[in-house]
Protein backbone atom coordinates (compact mmCIF):
# COMPACT_ATOMS: atom_id res chain seq x y z
CA UNK A 1 -21.29 32.92 23.22
CA UNK A 2 -19.90 32.95 26.72
CA UNK A 3 -20.49 29.93 28.92
CA UNK A 4 -23.06 31.64 31.15
CA UNK A 5 -25.09 32.54 28.03
CA UNK A 6 -24.93 28.96 26.76
CA UNK A 7 -26.16 27.70 30.12
CA UNK A 8 -28.99 30.23 30.16
CA UNK A 9 -30.12 29.24 26.66
CA UNK A 10 -30.10 25.52 27.45
CA UNK A 11 -32.07 26.16 30.64
CA UNK A 12 -34.53 28.17 28.56
CA UNK A 13 -34.98 25.30 26.10
CA UNK A 14 -35.46 22.90 29.02
CA UNK A 15 -38.08 25.13 30.64
CA UNK A 16 -39.99 25.08 27.35
CA UNK A 17 -40.00 21.28 27.39
CA UNK A 18 -37.79 20.97 24.33
CA UNK A 19 -35.89 17.74 23.65
CA UNK A 20 -32.19 18.49 23.22
CA UNK A 21 -29.33 16.60 21.62
CA UNK A 22 -25.88 17.30 20.32
CA UNK A 23 -23.51 15.68 17.84
CA UNK A 24 -19.75 15.42 17.79
CA UNK A 25 -17.09 14.30 15.36
CA UNK A 26 -14.74 13.91 18.34
CA UNK A 27 -11.87 15.94 16.98
CA UNK A 28 -9.72 17.95 19.34
CA UNK A 29 -11.58 21.17 18.58
CA UNK A 30 -14.89 19.44 19.39
CA UNK A 31 -14.02 18.87 23.02
CA UNK A 32 -14.57 22.36 24.55
CA UNK A 33 -18.26 22.32 23.64
CA UNK A 34 -18.65 18.78 25.02
CA UNK A 35 -16.90 19.85 28.21
CA UNK A 36 -19.16 22.87 28.58
CA UNK A 37 -22.28 20.77 27.99
CA UNK A 38 -21.11 18.08 30.40
CA UNK A 39 -20.96 20.69 33.15
CA UNK A 40 -24.37 22.13 32.29
CA UNK A 41 -26.27 18.87 31.71
CA UNK A 42 -24.44 15.63 30.91
CA UNK A 43 -27.74 13.84 30.26
CA UNK A 44 -27.99 15.53 26.85
CA UNK A 45 -27.40 12.69 24.34
CA UNK A 46 -24.30 13.01 22.14
CA UNK A 47 -24.86 11.42 18.74
CA UNK A 48 -21.70 10.04 17.18
CA UNK A 49 -22.16 9.56 13.42
CA UNK A 50 -20.25 6.34 12.88
CA UNK A 51 -19.94 6.13 9.10
CA UNK A 52 -17.92 2.93 9.17
CA UNK A 53 -15.03 4.77 7.50
CA UNK A 54 -13.64 6.58 10.55
CA UNK A 55 -10.07 6.37 11.75
CA UNK A 56 -9.74 3.89 14.65
CA UNK A 57 -8.05 6.71 16.56
CA UNK A 58 -11.27 8.71 16.37
CA UNK A 59 -13.31 5.89 17.87
CA UNK A 60 -10.75 5.47 20.65
CA UNK A 61 -10.78 9.21 21.30
CA UNK A 62 -14.59 9.14 21.55
CA UNK A 63 -14.37 6.47 24.24
CA UNK A 64 -11.67 8.38 26.14
CA UNK A 65 -13.62 11.65 26.14
CA UNK A 66 -16.95 9.98 26.91
CA UNK A 67 -15.45 8.25 29.94
CA UNK A 68 -13.77 11.39 31.24
CA UNK A 69 -16.77 13.69 30.78
CA UNK A 70 -19.42 11.05 31.65
CA UNK A 71 -21.25 11.63 28.40
CA UNK A 72 -24.29 9.77 27.10
CA UNK A 73 -23.06 8.57 23.69
CA UNK A 74 -25.45 7.29 21.03
CA UNK A 75 -23.74 5.49 18.14
CA UNK A 76 -25.54 6.48 14.93
CA UNK A 77 -24.92 4.25 11.92
CA UNK A 78 -26.02 4.43 8.26
CA UNK A 79 -29.35 2.94 7.18
CA UNK A 80 -27.78 1.62 3.97
CA UNK A 81 -25.24 -1.22 4.26
CA UNK A 82 -21.89 -0.77 2.54
CA UNK A 83 -22.55 -3.48 -0.08
CA UNK A 84 -25.40 -1.30 -1.37
CA UNK A 85 -23.19 1.80 -1.49
CA UNK A 86 -21.60 1.02 -4.82
CA UNK A 87 -21.94 2.48 -8.31
CA UNK A 88 -22.68 0.44 -11.43
CA UNK A 89 -19.06 -0.74 -11.82
CA UNK A 90 -18.87 -1.91 -8.25
CA UNK A 91 -16.77 0.94 -6.86
CA UNK A 92 -17.68 2.28 -3.43
CA UNK A 93 -19.37 5.65 -3.63
CA UNK A 94 -16.65 7.60 -1.83
CA UNK A 95 -14.45 7.03 -4.92
CA UNK A 96 -17.02 8.23 -7.47
CA UNK A 97 -19.79 10.21 -5.76
CA UNK A 98 -18.64 11.56 -2.37
CA UNK A 99 -21.71 13.77 -2.04
CA UNK A 100 -24.04 10.77 -2.16
CA UNK A 101 -21.68 8.83 0.10
CA UNK A 102 -21.91 11.62 2.68
CA UNK A 103 -25.67 11.69 2.33
CA UNK A 104 -26.08 7.97 2.99
CA UNK A 105 -23.56 7.78 5.81
CA UNK A 106 -24.07 11.09 7.60
CA UNK A 107 -27.02 13.22 6.51
CA UNK A 108 -29.69 10.56 6.08
CA UNK A 109 -29.12 8.92 9.50
CA UNK A 110 -29.44 12.36 11.13
CA UNK A 111 -32.89 12.94 9.70
CA UNK A 112 -34.54 10.54 12.14
CA UNK A 113 -32.70 12.17 15.06
CA UNK A 114 -33.96 15.62 14.06
CA UNK A 115 -37.48 14.23 13.68
CA UNK A 116 -37.47 13.00 17.29
CA UNK A 117 -35.85 16.06 18.92
CA UNK A 118 -36.45 19.80 19.09
CA UNK A 119 -32.99 21.37 19.45
CA UNK A 120 -29.71 20.34 17.85
CA UNK A 121 -26.81 21.85 19.81
CA UNK A 122 -24.17 22.07 17.11
CA UNK A 123 -20.52 23.09 17.44
CA UNK A 124 -19.97 24.76 14.06
CA UNK A 125 -17.70 27.80 14.06
CA UNK A 126 -17.77 30.74 11.69
CA UNK A 127 -14.03 30.58 11.06
CA UNK A 128 -14.24 27.07 9.59
CA UNK A 129 -15.84 27.83 6.22
CA UNK A 130 -17.85 30.44 4.31
CA UNK A 131 -20.99 28.33 4.74
CA UNK A 132 -20.60 28.34 8.53
CA UNK A 133 -19.67 32.01 8.71
CA UNK A 134 -23.06 32.84 7.20
CA UNK A 135 -24.95 30.91 9.89
CA UNK A 136 -26.77 32.41 12.87
CA UNK A 137 -26.60 31.34 16.50
CA UNK A 138 -30.12 29.95 16.22
CA UNK A 139 -31.60 28.71 12.96
CA UNK A 140 -34.58 26.61 11.89
CA UNK A 141 -33.88 23.07 10.72
CA UNK A 142 -35.98 20.30 9.11
CA UNK A 143 -38.83 18.61 11.01
CA UNK A 144 -39.65 21.85 12.84
CA UNK A 145 -36.44 21.58 14.85
CA UNK A 146 -33.92 24.26 15.82
CA UNK A 147 -30.17 24.39 15.32
CA UNK A 148 -28.36 26.09 18.19
CA UNK A 149 -24.75 27.14 17.42
CA UNK A 150 -23.17 28.25 20.72
CA UNK A 151 -19.58 28.13 19.40
CA UNK A 152 -20.24 30.15 16.24
CA UNK A 153 -18.10 33.13 17.31
CA UNK A 154 -15.29 31.05 18.85
CA UNK A 155 -12.02 30.79 16.92
CA UNK A 156 -9.06 28.42 17.06
CA UNK A 157 -7.23 30.59 19.58
CA UNK A 158 -10.15 30.52 22.01
CA UNK A 159 -10.72 26.78 21.44
CA UNK A 160 -7.15 25.83 22.24
CA UNK A 161 -6.92 28.26 25.17
CA UNK A 162 -9.94 26.49 26.65
CA UNK A 163 -8.37 23.07 26.04
CA UNK A 164 -5.20 24.18 27.81
CA UNK A 165 -7.04 25.79 30.71
CA UNK A 166 -9.06 22.65 31.41
CA UNK A 167 -6.32 20.16 30.49
CA UNK A 168 -8.55 18.41 27.96
CA UNK A 169 -7.28 15.48 25.85
CA UNK A 170 -6.28 15.77 22.19
CA UNK A 171 -6.94 13.48 19.24
CA UNK A 172 -3.98 11.17 18.63
CA UNK A 173 -3.75 12.15 14.95
CA UNK A 174 -3.10 15.82 15.75
CA UNK A 175 0.57 15.03 16.33
CA UNK A 176 0.78 13.46 12.87
CA UNK A 177 -0.35 16.62 11.07
CA UNK A 178 -4.09 16.00 10.78
CA UNK A 179 -6.16 19.08 11.57
CA UNK A 180 -9.65 18.39 10.20
CA UNK A 181 -10.39 14.70 10.63
CA UNK A 182 -13.30 12.95 8.95
CA UNK A 183 -13.56 9.60 7.20
CA UNK A 184 -10.24 7.89 6.56
CA UNK A 185 -10.55 7.52 2.74
CA UNK A 186 -11.27 11.23 2.24
CA UNK A 187 -8.98 12.88 4.82
CA UNK A 188 -5.38 13.89 4.38
CA UNK A 189 -2.77 15.73 6.40
CA UNK A 190 -2.91 19.49 6.14
CA UNK A 191 -0.32 21.41 4.13
CA UNK A 192 0.74 24.90 5.23
CA UNK A 193 -0.97 26.52 2.25
CA UNK A 194 -4.33 24.80 2.87
CA UNK A 195 -7.36 26.06 4.77
CA UNK A 196 -8.57 23.82 7.60
CA UNK A 197 -11.50 22.26 5.75
CA UNK A 198 -9.45 21.62 2.59
CA UNK A 199 -7.90 18.62 4.33
CA UNK A 200 -11.23 16.91 3.83
CA UNK A 201 -12.20 15.60 0.38
CA UNK A 202 -8.81 16.77 -0.90
CA UNK A 203 -8.76 17.64 -4.60
CA UNK A 204 -12.53 18.01 -4.81
CA UNK A 205 -14.65 21.14 -4.85
CA UNK A 206 -16.18 20.11 -1.54
CA UNK A 207 -15.73 21.34 2.03
CA UNK A 208 -19.06 20.28 3.57
CA UNK A 209 -20.62 16.84 3.98
CA UNK A 210 -24.25 18.01 3.91
CA UNK A 211 -25.00 18.14 7.64
CA UNK A 212 -24.62 21.92 7.60
CA UNK A 213 -26.04 22.59 4.14
CA UNK A 214 -28.93 20.13 3.74
CA UNK A 215 -30.06 20.02 7.38
CA UNK A 216 -30.60 23.75 7.79
CA UNK A 217 -33.24 26.16 6.57
C-alpha cells in the first residue's frame, strides 16, 4: 500500500471507533512502518514483545527509535516466568521445544492485547515467507479483531529506499551480518545461501513463531 492509502485506512478505522495498536520487533526493516504511523498518528500504542531473550542491542534500538519518532511503547512480557519454562530434565524450552517457548513468550502475551483492541496494524511482508505471502491486506484475527497488513506488498528494495530517503537509524547488529533478528539463543548470522527467515531457529523446520500462524483466521 502507498502511504496515502495507509493513512486513509487508519482514518477509516478511527471514524468507526475502532481501537488500534501495532507491534514491532524493532529490526531495521521494521522502522519504515513505524515512521509512517508516527506521522499519521503517534498515539497508536506500539507493543514490544519483550521475551527476556532479546539481544541487548534490540532493546537499545527500541529506545533510540521510540525517542526519535515519539512513539508510545508498551513493554509486553510473558505471563509465565522463566523458571516455569523448563522441561522435565530442567532444560529451558528453547533448547527442546521452541514452538512452546514461542507460544509462552510471544503468542500467549499477545492474546490479551488482541482481546482489548479491534485492529492490529502488522508489518508482515509477502516476501518474507510463504506463510506471509498467502496473507491478505486485511484479515480476521481471534477475539473478533482485525489484522491490517499495510506493508504486505513492500519488498526489501522499497524498505531500504525508504530508510535512506528518511535517514532512519539501523539496528546495530546489521553490520555484523544479522538480517532477521529475534531471540538471542535462536538467531544466527545469515549465510549467503540462506533465505531471510532461515536465520531464525537455525537447523529447525521452523520459520514462524506463531504470531502469524496462530493469531490469524
